[in-house]
Every structure is written in C-alpha cells, then in structure tokens.
Amino acid sequence: MVNFAYFQRLGKALMLPIATLPIAALLLRFGQPDLLDISFIAKAGSSILIISLNLALGISVGLSKDGSGAAALAGVVGYFILTQATTAINPDVKLGFFAGIIAGIISGHAYNYSYKAKMPDFLAFFSGKRLTPIVAGLCCLIMAVVCGEVWVYVQQGIDNFSGWIAHSGYIGEFIYGVMNRALIPLGLHYFLHSVFWFSLGECTKVSYELGSSLHQICLNPSIVSHLSIGQMVPNIDGSIITKIADITTRGDLNRFFAGDPTAGVYMAWAYPVMMGGLPGAALALTLASPKNKRKLVGGMLLSLAFTAFLTGITEPIELASYL
C-alpha cells in the first residue's frame, strides 16, 4: 500500500528549497540590462539557482526529526559524494536535480538513525550528531555505485517522457495542469513541479554580441552542435557568438532563466491563477460570507490571497477553501 503520509512529508520538505525561487527570480530579473542593469544583483540571483544542492539541504532538514543543522551538513556531504562518485563510475550519467532529492532523503533518514548514536570511548568525539555526515556519506557512496550502473536506464526513460511531453503541445500542457491541481489536496504536486521544472527538456547556453552589448540565449543542443565561436546565432542578424557553454541546461525553469525562448510554459500558466484567480476567489468568498463574519473571513482569506500573489504559495488559500 502506498504510504501517502510519507510522500506528504517529503512534499512538505520540498517546499523549503522551492521557497528560495521567488527571491532568486526577482534578483535575477532586476539585475538584467533592460531593467536595473546591475550585474552583481543578477549574479546574486543566479547563484541561488543551484537547485540540486538546495534540494539536498532542504529535504535533509525537512525529513530530520528536529530540523538540525547537522542534517543540512549531512545533505551537503551526501550530495557531493553521490554526484562525484556517480560521475566517476559512469561519466554518461546525469543525475540532475534527482541527485539533490536522493541525497536529501538518504541524509534525512541517516540523521534520524544516527543522531543519538553512542560510540566507544575512544571514538566518543564522533557520537551523536557528529556521526550523521559520516553515515550519510557512506550511504550515498553505496547509492552512487547503484546509480552509476542503473541510472542511465532511468535517465533514458525520463528523457523519452520529457521528449513526448515537450512535443505533445496542448495535450501535454493539459495533462500537466490536471495532474498539478489534482495532487494539491494530497500535497504531492511538488514532485510534479520537480520533474517538469528541473528535468524537462535541455538546451545549451550561447553568449553572443549584438551591436555593443552582450546577450545570452539557450538553444537546442542539436542546433548548437553545428555552431562555433565567431558565427552568427540562427535568426539573429548581426550577432556574433562569443562563448558556447560546455554543459547543457535541463528543466523548464532553468532553461527559461538561461534564455531558452521555448521554455517557461510550465510556469507561466500559474501567474493568472496565483495573481488573479485565487485573489479573486478570496474576494468573492469574503463578499459572500455573512456580514457579521465578513471582517474575520476577509482578514484570513485576503492575507492568504496576498501570499499567493506575492510568493506563489497557494496551498494556504486553496486548503482553506476546501476545508
């Protein structure tokens, strides 16, 4: 039987690293040349978008029994061991954001298992919470061996699914929307976000000069493979390529911020809901409530509507409406 309680707990843990995305997006956007044109603000925003590491930190803390910083350290240690060891075993494996999820889950449970452990007197220094990064690291090392041998097949399945969704147009978008809304009452929609935002599709960053300014675009790797420095970017007259990234960028969110003109559809749909639909529903419910309860209902729902409008966190107002 599926343990929904555990997946809800894991979904709640995913909210912590995902909560960093609004500030990252704001900093990254405000720092662009067409707005404030302040490079260090843009760099500050892009530095937060280390999604895999954020997931490892957030999930390990979220699954730990007491939210200890030792669990966070265990998540970081586990993440680096898992990613580096897996790559050493099989350079073709690309764990992507799944590395953060796997390391976070392992580290969170490793912490719960070992944070009260007692060691012999001559190893007493490593008792309790000091033991957790070691346990998490060893467990992630074992998982790296498994991932190095098996993940290439999982990766192929994910790539096939991503390709089907990406080329299915409105059908794929409809399926995503229905699944997203249907999973909210169960608290499992963040798993869906993770797959689409951080794994769907891939592109390669290309920096180019146009006039006297530098720009960046992220293109399909099959297109970039035929480009070289000094050439013109396809469909951008007068451009000169100055740099081509060595690694690909994966996921609808990462591709959007990297400049992929085809990315963003699996995020853009939410803005009318978060900034218009849910605040409108909160206002309607407030006006429909009895006059003697209107201040109480309005104070609660309108504050939740503001949360949805500003941060994109919709669970409070949605669950309040359900219940």
Protein backbone atom coordinates (compact mmCIF):
# COMPACT_ATOMS: atom_id res chain seq x y z
CA MET A 1 0.00 0.00 0.00
CA VAL A 2 1.28 3.48 -0.88
CA ASN A 3 2.28 5.47 2.20
CA PHE A 4 0.76 8.85 1.33
CA ALA A 5 1.71 10.27 4.74
CA TYR A 6 5.40 9.80 3.94
CA PHE A 7 5.08 11.39 0.50
CA GLN A 8 3.19 14.32 2.02
CA ARG A 9 6.04 14.74 4.49
CA LEU A 10 8.51 14.64 1.62
CA GLY A 11 6.43 17.13 -0.35
CA LYS A 12 6.46 19.46 2.65
CA ALA A 13 10.24 19.13 2.82
CA LEU A 14 10.45 20.12 -0.87
CA MET A 15 8.72 23.41 -0.07
CA LEU A 16 11.79 24.70 1.79
CA PRO A 17 14.21 24.77 -1.18
CA ILE A 18 11.44 25.77 -3.61
CA ALA A 19 10.70 28.78 -1.37
CA THR A 20 14.08 30.21 -2.43
CA LEU A 21 12.96 30.53 -6.06
CA PRO A 22 10.94 33.78 -5.77
CA ILE A 23 13.88 35.80 -4.38
CA ALA A 24 16.22 34.20 -6.92
CA ALA A 25 13.90 35.12 -9.78
CA LEU A 26 13.46 38.71 -8.55
CA LEU A 27 17.18 39.32 -8.16
CA LEU A 28 17.99 37.70 -11.49
CA ARG A 29 15.36 39.73 -13.34
CA PHE A 30 16.07 43.09 -11.71
CA GLY A 31 19.76 42.75 -12.48
CA GLN A 32 19.26 42.35 -16.23
CA PRO A 33 20.43 45.06 -18.66
CA ASP A 34 16.89 46.05 -19.65
CA LEU A 35 15.94 46.84 -16.03
CA LEU A 36 18.45 47.97 -13.38
CA ASP A 37 21.49 46.69 -15.31
CA ILE A 38 23.38 45.80 -12.11
CA SER A 39 25.50 42.72 -12.70
CA PHE A 40 26.08 41.78 -9.05
CA ILE A 41 22.30 41.63 -8.43
CA ALA A 42 21.86 39.29 -11.40
CA LYS A 43 24.79 37.17 -10.20
CA ALA A 44 23.27 37.02 -6.72
CA GLY A 45 20.03 35.68 -8.19
CA SER A 46 21.72 33.10 -10.41
CA SER A 47 23.88 31.89 -7.51
CA ILE A 48 20.76 30.77 -5.62
CA LEU A 49 19.58 28.66 -8.55
CA ILE A 50 21.79 25.70 -7.58
CA ILE A 51 18.66 23.59 -7.47
CA SER A 52 20.22 20.19 -6.73
CA LEU A 53 22.21 21.40 -3.74
CA ASN A 54 19.23 23.38 -2.41
CA LEU A 55 17.09 20.24 -2.63
CA ALA A 56 19.66 18.16 -0.75
CA LEU A 57 19.80 20.77 2.01
CA GLY A 58 16.07 21.36 2.25
CA ILE A 59 14.94 17.74 2.12
CA SER A 60 17.50 16.51 4.64
CA VAL A 61 16.42 19.21 7.10
CA GLY A 62 12.73 18.67 6.34
CA LEU A 63 12.89 14.91 6.94
CA SER A 64 15.01 15.18 10.09
CA LYS A 65 13.20 14.85 13.39
CA ASP A 66 14.35 18.16 14.83
CA GLY A 67 15.39 20.25 11.81
CA SER A 68 19.01 20.27 12.94
CA GLY A 69 21.83 21.96 11.06
CA ALA A 70 23.71 18.66 11.29
CA ALA A 71 21.11 17.20 8.93
CA ALA A 72 21.81 20.03 6.48
CA LEU A 73 25.55 19.32 6.63
CA ALA A 74 24.83 15.63 6.08
CA GLY A 75 22.77 16.56 3.00
CA VAL A 76 25.63 18.61 1.54
CA VAL A 77 28.20 15.87 2.21
CA GLY A 78 25.90 13.22 0.77
CA TYR A 79 25.17 15.30 -2.32
CA PHE A 80 28.81 15.87 -3.25
CA ILE A 81 29.74 12.24 -2.63
CA LEU A 82 26.78 10.98 -4.65
CA THR A 83 27.35 13.25 -7.64
CA GLN A 84 31.13 12.97 -7.85
CA ALA A 85 31.28 9.22 -7.26
CA THR A 86 28.48 8.52 -9.75
CA THR A 87 30.22 10.58 -12.43
CA ALA A 88 33.49 8.76 -11.76
CA ILE A 89 31.76 5.40 -12.20
CA ASN A 90 29.84 6.40 -15.33
CA PRO A 91 30.51 9.81 -16.92
CA ASP A 92 27.38 9.45 -19.08
CA VAL A 93 25.06 9.56 -16.06
CA LYS A 94 23.33 12.91 -15.43
CA LEU A 95 21.51 12.78 -12.12
CA GLY A 96 20.47 16.43 -12.33
CA PHE A 97 18.09 17.58 -9.62
CA PHE A 98 17.39 13.95 -8.71
CA ALA A 99 20.82 13.92 -7.04
CA GLY A 100 19.56 16.50 -4.54
CA ILE A 101 16.36 14.57 -3.86
CA ILE A 102 18.17 11.25 -3.41
CA ALA A 103 20.92 12.72 -1.23
CA GLY A 104 18.38 14.65 0.83
CA ILE A 105 16.21 11.59 1.51
CA ILE A 106 19.22 9.44 2.41
CA SER A 107 20.75 12.13 4.62
CA GLY A 108 17.49 12.89 6.41
CA HIS A 109 16.98 9.25 7.33
CA ALA A 110 20.67 8.82 8.16
CA TYR A 111 20.36 11.70 10.60
CA ASN A 112 17.26 10.24 12.27
CA TYR A 113 19.01 6.90 12.61
CA SER A 114 22.33 8.14 13.98
CA TYR A 115 21.89 11.48 15.78
CA LYS A 116 21.57 9.76 19.17
CA ALA A 117 24.12 7.01 18.48
CA LYS A 118 26.78 6.32 21.11
CA MET A 119 30.31 5.40 20.09
CA PRO A 120 33.03 3.67 22.17
CA ASP A 121 35.01 5.97 24.45
CA PHE A 122 37.98 6.25 22.12
CA LEU A 123 35.61 7.40 19.36
CA ALA A 124 33.33 9.44 21.60
CA PHE A 125 34.03 12.60 19.59
CA PHE A 126 32.03 11.10 16.71
CA SER A 127 28.97 10.28 18.81
CA GLY A 128 25.55 11.75 18.15
CA LYS A 129 25.15 14.45 15.53
CA ARG A 130 28.83 14.40 14.52
CA LEU A 131 28.27 10.89 13.21
CA THR A 132 25.46 11.84 10.84
CA PRO A 133 27.56 13.31 7.96
CA ILE A 134 29.72 10.17 8.03
CA VAL A 135 26.73 7.83 7.91
CA ALA A 136 25.06 9.90 5.19
CA GLY A 137 28.27 9.99 3.15
CA LEU A 138 28.75 6.23 3.31
CA CYS A 139 25.13 5.58 2.38
CA CYS A 140 25.39 7.97 -0.57
CA LEU A 141 28.61 6.27 -1.66
CA ILE A 142 26.73 2.96 -1.86
CA MET A 143 23.91 4.68 -3.74
CA ALA A 144 26.48 6.14 -6.17
CA VAL A 145 27.52 2.60 -7.13
CA VAL A 146 23.88 1.73 -7.82
CA CYS A 147 23.24 4.95 -9.76
CA GLY A 148 26.40 4.53 -11.78
CA GLU A 149 25.15 1.19 -13.08
CA VAL A 150 21.37 1.68 -13.21
CA TRP A 151 20.59 5.38 -13.60
CA VAL A 152 21.46 5.51 -17.29
CA TYR A 153 18.29 3.47 -17.95
CA VAL A 154 16.19 5.68 -15.67
CA GLN A 155 17.66 8.71 -17.41
CA GLN A 156 16.67 7.32 -20.79
CA GLY A 157 13.09 6.83 -19.61
CA ILE A 158 12.93 10.39 -18.24
CA ASP A 159 14.35 11.79 -21.49
CA ASN A 160 11.76 9.87 -23.53
CA PHE A 161 8.95 11.14 -21.30
CA SER A 162 10.28 14.69 -21.47
CA GLY A 163 10.53 14.50 -25.23
CA TRP A 164 6.95 13.25 -25.54
CA ILE A 165 5.60 15.99 -23.27
CA ALA A 166 7.65 18.69 -24.98
CA HIS A 167 6.37 17.73 -28.43
CA SER A 168 2.77 16.97 -27.46
CA GLY A 169 1.79 20.64 -27.34
CA TYR A 170 -1.54 21.44 -25.73
CA ILE A 171 -2.14 17.79 -24.78
CA GLY A 172 0.97 17.65 -22.60
CA GLU A 173 0.20 21.03 -21.06
CA PHE A 174 -3.36 19.90 -20.27
CA ILE A 175 -2.12 16.68 -18.65
CA TYR A 176 0.34 18.65 -16.54
CA GLY A 177 -2.32 21.14 -15.43
CA VAL A 178 -4.81 18.44 -14.44
CA MET A 179 -2.19 16.44 -12.54
CA ASN A 180 -0.91 19.57 -10.80
CA ARG A 181 -4.32 20.63 -9.49
CA ALA A 182 -5.36 17.06 -8.62
CA LEU A 183 -2.28 16.43 -6.48
CA ILE A 184 -2.59 19.60 -4.36
CA PRO A 185 -5.02 18.11 -1.76
CA LEU A 186 -2.55 15.24 -1.25
CA GLY A 187 0.44 17.57 -1.01
CA LEU A 188 2.22 15.68 -3.80
CA HIS A 189 2.25 18.34 -6.51
CA TYR A 190 5.82 19.39 -5.71
CA PHE A 191 7.02 16.06 -7.12
CA LEU A 192 5.38 17.04 -10.39
CA HIS A 193 6.95 20.51 -10.22
CA SER A 194 10.35 18.95 -9.69
CA VAL A 195 10.17 16.76 -12.80
CA PHE A 196 8.90 19.47 -15.14
CA TRP A 197 10.77 22.46 -13.74
CA PHE A 198 14.15 20.82 -13.27
CA SER A 199 14.27 17.94 -15.77
CA LEU A 200 12.03 18.64 -18.77
CA GLY A 201 13.98 19.34 -21.94
CA GLU A 202 17.52 20.62 -22.36
CA CYS A 203 19.39 23.44 -24.05
CA THR A 204 22.92 24.82 -24.32
CA LYS A 205 23.80 28.42 -23.42
CA VAL A 206 25.23 30.57 -26.19
CA SER A 207 26.64 34.04 -25.46
CA TYR A 208 26.75 36.49 -28.33
CA GLU A 209 27.50 40.12 -29.09
CA LEU A 210 24.95 42.28 -30.84
CA GLY A 211 25.90 45.86 -31.52
CA SER A 212 27.85 46.94 -28.46
CA SER A 213 26.11 44.73 -25.89
CA LEU A 214 26.39 41.11 -24.81
CA HIS A 215 23.39 38.78 -24.79
CA GLN A 216 22.67 35.16 -23.97
CA ILE A 217 20.33 32.58 -25.44
CA CYS A 218 19.83 28.89 -24.75
CA LEU A 219 19.31 26.70 -27.82
CA ASN A 220 18.61 23.07 -28.56
CA PRO A 221 21.88 21.07 -28.28
CA SER A 222 21.33 19.67 -31.78
CA ILE A 223 21.45 23.25 -33.15
CA VAL A 224 24.40 24.31 -31.01
CA SER A 225 26.44 21.31 -32.16
CA HIS A 226 26.70 22.96 -35.60
CA LEU A 227 27.72 26.37 -34.24
CA SER A 228 31.14 27.75 -33.39
CA ILE A 229 32.58 30.94 -31.90
CA GLY A 230 32.53 33.79 -34.42
CA GLN A 231 29.44 32.57 -36.26
CA MET A 232 26.03 34.21 -36.26
CA VAL A 233 23.26 32.97 -33.96
CA PRO A 234 20.48 31.50 -36.12
CA ASN A 235 17.69 34.03 -36.84
CA ILE A 236 19.54 36.89 -35.07
CA ASP A 237 21.05 39.10 -37.77
CA GLY A 238 24.28 40.88 -36.87
CA SER A 239 25.05 38.64 -33.88
CA ILE A 240 28.50 37.18 -33.22
CA ILE A 241 28.88 34.15 -30.96
CA THR A 242 31.47 34.77 -28.22
CA LYS A 243 31.03 31.72 -25.99
CA ILE A 244 29.33 28.31 -26.04
CA ALA A 245 28.72 26.51 -22.74
CA ASP A 246 30.26 23.08 -22.18
CA ILE A 247 27.26 21.66 -20.30
CA THR A 248 23.56 21.53 -21.07
CA THR A 249 20.84 23.18 -19.01
CA ARG A 250 17.88 20.98 -18.07
CA GLY A 251 14.38 21.74 -16.87
CA ASP A 252 11.70 24.25 -17.84
CA LEU A 253 12.70 26.68 -15.08
CA ASN A 254 16.45 26.52 -15.66
CA ARG A 255 16.03 26.78 -19.42
CA PHE A 256 13.78 29.83 -19.05
CA PHE A 257 16.30 31.72 -16.93
CA ALA A 258 19.09 30.62 -19.29
CA GLY A 259 17.29 32.33 -22.19
CA ASP A 260 15.55 29.45 -23.96
CA PRO A 261 12.71 31.09 -25.96
CA THR A 262 10.71 27.83 -25.92
CA ALA A 263 10.78 27.40 -22.12
CA GLY A 264 8.52 28.74 -19.40
CA VAL A 265 5.14 27.31 -20.40
CA TYR A 266 5.02 25.05 -17.34
CA MET A 267 5.48 28.07 -15.07
CA ALA A 268 3.64 30.83 -16.93
CA TRP A 269 0.24 29.14 -16.56
CA ALA A 270 0.38 29.72 -12.79
CA TYR A 271 0.63 33.51 -12.86
CA PRO A 272 -3.02 34.16 -13.79
CA VAL A 273 -4.07 31.67 -11.10
CA MET A 274 -1.79 32.97 -8.36
CA MET A 275 -2.08 36.68 -9.14
CA GLY A 276 -5.67 36.84 -10.37
CA GLY A 277 -7.78 33.74 -9.91
CA LEU A 278 -7.10 32.95 -6.26
CA PRO A 279 -7.18 36.58 -5.02
CA GLY A 280 -10.45 36.95 -6.93
CA ALA A 281 -11.82 33.81 -5.30
CA ALA A 282 -10.78 35.12 -1.88
CA LEU A 283 -12.62 38.39 -2.54
CA ALA A 284 -15.72 36.52 -3.73
CA LEU A 285 -15.75 34.29 -0.65
CA THR A 286 -15.33 37.33 1.56
CA LEU A 287 -18.24 39.16 -0.06
CA ALA A 288 -20.40 36.01 0.07
CA SER A 289 -19.82 35.45 3.79
CA PRO A 290 -22.35 36.70 6.40
CA LYS A 291 -21.90 40.38 7.22
CA ASN A 292 -21.21 39.67 10.89
CA LYS A 293 -18.36 37.30 9.87
CA ARG A 294 -17.02 39.31 6.94
CA LYS A 295 -14.15 41.01 8.75
CA LEU A 296 -12.97 37.69 10.18
CA VAL A 297 -13.26 35.83 6.87
CA GLY A 298 -11.77 38.70 4.88
CA GLY A 299 -8.84 39.15 7.22
CA MET A 300 -7.92 35.49 6.83
CA LEU A 301 -8.60 34.96 3.12
CA LEU A 302 -7.23 38.27 1.83
CA SER A 303 -3.95 37.78 3.71
CA LEU A 304 -3.68 34.32 2.14
CA ALA A 305 -4.50 35.84 -1.25
CA PHE A 306 -1.66 38.34 -0.81
CA THR A 307 0.67 35.42 -0.03
CA ALA A 308 -0.36 33.70 -3.27
CA PHE A 309 0.03 36.95 -5.24
CA LEU A 310 3.47 37.83 -3.88
CA THR A 311 5.18 34.46 -3.41
CA GLY A 312 3.21 31.95 -5.48
CA ILE A 313 2.47 29.80 -2.42
CA THR A 314 -1.15 28.83 -2.94
CA GLU A 315 -1.67 25.93 -0.54
CA PRO A 316 -2.94 28.03 2.40
CA ILE A 317 -5.78 29.66 0.46
CA GLU A 318 -6.62 26.51 -1.51
CA LEU A 319 -6.80 24.29 1.56
CA ALA A 320 -8.73 26.97 3.44
CA SER A 321 -11.28 26.95 0.60
CA TYR A 322 -11.52 23.14 0.64
CA LEU A 323 -11.95 22.95 4.39
